[in-house]
Amino acid sequence: MNTPLLILIAGPYRSGTGGDPELIARNLARLEEAAAPIHRLGHVPMIGEWVALPILRGLDEREAGEGDVMYETARRLLQHCDAVLRLPGASAGADKDVEIAHERGLPVYRSIDEVPAA
């Protein structure tokens, strides 16, 4: 058995929602749908919003307005990830995650079928 990977699931979160909370929640649910299959393969799934949203709730308005907490959290998180699963859909943030993964030499999977079992 190979060592389990920490795999960042990247895809649309706010993109294409116009800020509609229901559409944002639907996008998060799509990201989360990939978590169980990654777990079944023996890996650890991670979604940047799982980390960033509690941070946002803990910041005051001024702090939250100083740059994009979501992008910065994903950038920091990618320093600990072993791979990225890029789900379909337009997303500047997910595209940036892929760019960072390539810079770090990490594998980028485009389908759960591409993820090897641990």
C-alpha atoms as a PDB file:
ATOM      1  CA  MET A   1       0.000   0.000   0.000  1.00  0.00           C
ATOM      2  CA  ASN A   2       1.270   3.474  -0.905  1.00  0.00           C
ATOM      3  CA  THR A   3       1.297   6.361   1.538  1.00  0.00           C
ATOM      4  CA  PRO A   4      -2.054   8.208   1.623  1.00  0.00           C
ATOM      5  CA  LEU A   5      -2.058  11.554  -0.139  1.00  0.00           C
ATOM      6  CA  LEU A   6      -3.590  14.796   1.075  1.00  0.00           C
ATOM      7  CA  ILE A   7      -5.608  15.766  -2.004  1.00  0.00           C
ATOM      8  CA  LEU A   8      -7.024  19.266  -2.445  1.00  0.00           C
ATOM      9  CA  ILE A   9     -10.378  19.212  -4.223  1.00  0.00           C
ATOM     10  CA  ALA A  10     -10.517  22.327  -6.404  1.00  0.00           C
ATOM     11  CA  GLY A  11     -13.473  23.610  -8.387  1.00  0.00           C
ATOM     12  CA  PRO A  12     -16.052  26.372  -8.536  1.00  0.00           C
ATOM     13  CA  TYR A  13     -17.184  27.792  -5.208  1.00  0.00           C
ATOM     14  CA  ARG A  14     -18.270  31.401  -5.767  1.00  0.00           C
ATOM     15  CA  SER A  15     -17.794  31.373  -9.544  1.00  0.00           C
ATOM     16  CA  GLY A  16     -20.979  31.725 -11.547  1.00  0.00           C
ATOM     17  CA  THR A  17     -23.155  32.287  -8.476  1.00  0.00           C
ATOM     18  CA  GLY A  18     -23.566  36.051  -8.501  1.00  0.00           C
ATOM     19  CA  GLY A  19     -23.161  35.790  -4.734  1.00  0.00           C
ATOM     20  CA  ASP A  20     -26.367  33.735  -4.357  1.00  0.00           C
ATOM     21  CA  PRO A  21     -25.933  31.742  -1.108  1.00  0.00           C
ATOM     22  CA  GLU A  22     -27.997  28.831  -2.439  1.00  0.00           C
ATOM     23  CA  LEU A  23     -25.798  28.491  -5.542  1.00  0.00           C
ATOM     24  CA  ILE A  24     -22.637  28.812  -3.443  1.00  0.00           C
ATOM     25  CA  ALA A  25     -23.927  26.042  -1.153  1.00  0.00           C
ATOM     26  CA  ARG A  26     -24.642  23.893  -4.208  1.00  0.00           C
ATOM     27  CA  ASN A  27     -21.075  24.418  -5.444  1.00  0.00           C
ATOM     28  CA  LEU A  28     -19.676  23.435  -2.037  1.00  0.00           C
ATOM     29  CA  ALA A  29     -21.845  20.311  -2.087  1.00  0.00           C
ATOM     30  CA  ARG A  30     -20.338  19.384  -5.501  1.00  0.00           C
ATOM     31  CA  LEU A  31     -16.842  19.791  -4.083  1.00  0.00           C
ATOM     32  CA  GLU A  32     -17.777  17.670  -1.071  1.00  0.00           C
ATOM     33  CA  GLU A  33     -19.188  14.894  -3.290  1.00  0.00           C
ATOM     34  CA  ALA A  34     -15.591  14.080  -4.264  1.00  0.00           C
ATOM     35  CA  ALA A  35     -14.478  13.652  -0.624  1.00  0.00           C
ATOM     36  CA  ALA A  36     -15.884  10.162   0.003  1.00  0.00           C
ATOM     37  CA  PRO A  37     -14.447   8.647  -3.208  1.00  0.00           C
ATOM     38  CA  ILE A  38     -11.011  10.057  -2.323  1.00  0.00           C
ATOM     39  CA  HIS A  39     -11.339   8.592   1.173  1.00  0.00           C
ATOM     40  CA  ARG A  40     -12.365   5.215  -0.275  1.00  0.00           C
ATOM     41  CA  LEU A  41      -9.141   5.221  -2.310  1.00  0.00           C
ATOM     42  CA  GLY A  42      -7.208   5.527   0.962  1.00  0.00           C
ATOM     43  CA  HIS A  43      -6.380   9.235   0.786  1.00  0.00           C
ATOM     44  CA  VAL A  44      -7.299  12.331   2.806  1.00  0.00           C
ATOM     45  CA  PRO A  45      -9.604  14.761   0.985  1.00  0.00           C
ATOM     46  CA  MET A  46      -9.280  18.497   1.622  1.00  0.00           C
ATOM     47  CA  ILE A  47     -11.337  21.446   0.450  1.00  0.00           C
ATOM     48  CA  GLY A  48      -9.953  24.946   0.909  1.00  0.00           C
ATOM     49  CA  GLU A  49     -13.315  26.307   2.018  1.00  0.00           C
ATOM     50  CA  TRP A  50     -13.345  23.860   4.937  1.00  0.00           C
ATOM     51  CA  VAL A  51     -10.352  25.803   6.245  1.00  0.00           C
ATOM     52  CA  ALA A  52     -11.070  29.322   4.960  1.00  0.00           C
ATOM     53  CA  LEU A  53     -14.698  29.719   6.062  1.00  0.00           C
ATOM     54  CA  PRO A  54     -13.977  29.412   9.813  1.00  0.00           C
ATOM     55  CA  ILE A  55     -11.101  31.874   9.360  1.00  0.00           C
ATOM     56  CA  LEU A  56     -13.446  34.369   7.696  1.00  0.00           C
ATOM     57  CA  ARG A  57     -15.929  34.022  10.552  1.00  0.00           C
ATOM     58  CA  GLY A  58     -13.135  34.866  13.014  1.00  0.00           C
ATOM     59  CA  LEU A  59     -11.942  38.018  11.233  1.00  0.00           C
ATOM     60  CA  ASP A  60     -13.387  41.462  11.657  1.00  0.00           C
ATOM     61  CA  GLU A  61     -14.580  43.418   8.590  1.00  0.00           C
ATOM     62  CA  ARG A  62     -11.278  45.269   8.168  1.00  0.00           C
ATOM     63  CA  GLU A  63      -9.189  42.089   8.327  1.00  0.00           C
ATOM     64  CA  ALA A  64     -11.511  40.225   5.970  1.00  0.00           C
ATOM     65  CA  GLY A  65     -11.234  43.073   3.474  1.00  0.00           C
ATOM     66  CA  GLU A  66      -7.414  42.977   3.392  1.00  0.00           C
ATOM     67  CA  GLY A  67      -6.931  40.646   0.451  1.00  0.00           C
ATOM     68  CA  ASP A  68      -8.777  37.501  -0.430  1.00  0.00           C
ATOM     69  CA  VAL A  69      -8.743  35.118   2.518  1.00  0.00           C
ATOM     70  CA  MET A  70     -10.012  32.256   0.345  1.00  0.00           C
ATOM     71  CA  TYR A  71      -7.154  32.481  -2.162  1.00  0.00           C
ATOM     72  CA  GLU A  72      -4.510  33.036   0.512  1.00  0.00           C
ATOM     73  CA  THR A  73      -5.748  30.090   2.560  1.00  0.00           C
ATOM     74  CA  ALA A  74      -5.674  27.822  -0.495  1.00  0.00           C
ATOM     75  CA  ARG A  75      -2.150  28.994  -1.321  1.00  0.00           C
ATOM     76  CA  ARG A  76      -0.959  28.170   2.197  1.00  0.00           C
ATOM     77  CA  LEU A  77      -2.844  24.885   2.259  1.00  0.00           C
ATOM     78  CA  LEU A  78      -1.232  23.779  -0.999  1.00  0.00           C
ATOM     79  CA  GLN A  79       2.142  23.870   0.747  1.00  0.00           C
ATOM     80  CA  HIS A  80       0.933  20.780   2.644  1.00  0.00           C
ATOM     81  CA  CYS A  81      -0.995  18.952  -0.086  1.00  0.00           C
ATOM     82  CA  ASP A  82       0.341  16.109  -2.197  1.00  0.00           C
ATOM     83  CA  ALA A  83      -2.022  16.432  -5.173  1.00  0.00           C
ATOM     84  CA  VAL A  84      -5.008  18.337  -6.571  1.00  0.00           C
ATOM     85  CA  LEU A  85      -8.259  17.003  -7.971  1.00  0.00           C
ATOM     86  CA  ARG A  86      -9.567  19.704 -10.340  1.00  0.00           C
ATOM     87  CA  LEU A  87     -13.300  19.377 -10.836  1.00  0.00           C
ATOM     88  CA  PRO A  88     -14.987  20.786 -13.962  1.00  0.00           C
ATOM     89  CA  GLY A  89     -16.267  24.340 -14.134  1.00  0.00           C
ATOM     90  CA  ALA A  90     -14.929  27.837 -14.504  1.00  0.00           C
ATOM     91  CA  SER A  91     -13.058  28.995 -11.399  1.00  0.00           C
ATOM     92  CA  ALA A  92     -10.171  31.448 -11.162  1.00  0.00           C
ATOM     93  CA  GLY A  93      -9.338  30.117  -7.691  1.00  0.00           C
ATOM     94  CA  ALA A  94      -9.259  26.479  -8.798  1.00  0.00           C
ATOM     95  CA  ASP A  95      -7.152  27.454 -11.812  1.00  0.00           C
ATOM     96  CA  LYS A  96      -4.723  29.178  -9.440  1.00  0.00           C
ATOM     97  CA  ASP A  97      -4.632  26.020  -7.290  1.00  0.00           C
ATOM     98  CA  VAL A  98      -3.658  24.014 -10.388  1.00  0.00           C
ATOM     99  CA  GLU A  99      -0.981  26.577 -11.265  1.00  0.00           C
ATOM    100  CA  ILE A 100       0.515  26.334  -7.766  1.00  0.00           C
ATOM    101  CA  ALA A 101       0.358  22.530  -7.891  1.00  0.00           C
ATOM    102  CA  HIS A 102       2.257  22.527 -11.205  1.00  0.00           C
ATOM    103  CA  GLU A 103       4.864  24.919  -9.747  1.00  0.00           C
ATOM    104  CA  ARG A 104       5.354  22.515  -6.831  1.00  0.00           C
ATOM    105  CA  GLY A 105       5.504  19.480  -9.135  1.00  0.00           C
ATOM    106  CA  LEU A 106       2.326  17.976  -7.680  1.00  0.00           C
ATOM    107  CA  PRO A 107       0.052  15.721  -9.693  1.00  0.00           C
ATOM    108  CA  VAL A 108      -3.188  17.289 -10.888  1.00  0.00           C
ATOM    109  CA  TYR A 109      -6.023  14.861 -11.523  1.00  0.00           C
ATOM    110  CA  ARG A 110      -9.002  15.860 -13.671  1.00  0.00           C
ATOM    111  CA  SER A 111     -11.203  12.934 -12.658  1.00  0.00           C
ATOM    112  CA  ILE A 112     -11.544  10.712  -9.611  1.00  0.00           C
ATOM    113  CA  ASP A 113     -10.793   7.818 -11.979  1.00  0.00           C
ATOM    114  CA  GLU A 114      -7.257   9.197 -12.395  1.00  0.00           C
ATOM    115  CA  VAL A 115      -6.518   9.115  -8.648  1.00  0.00           C
ATOM    116  CA  PRO A 116      -4.485   6.005  -7.758  1.00  0.00           C
ATOM    117  CA  ALA A 117      -5.426   3.941  -4.728  1.00  0.00           C
ATOM    118  CA  ALA A 118      -3.153   4.236  -1.693  1.00  0.00           C
END
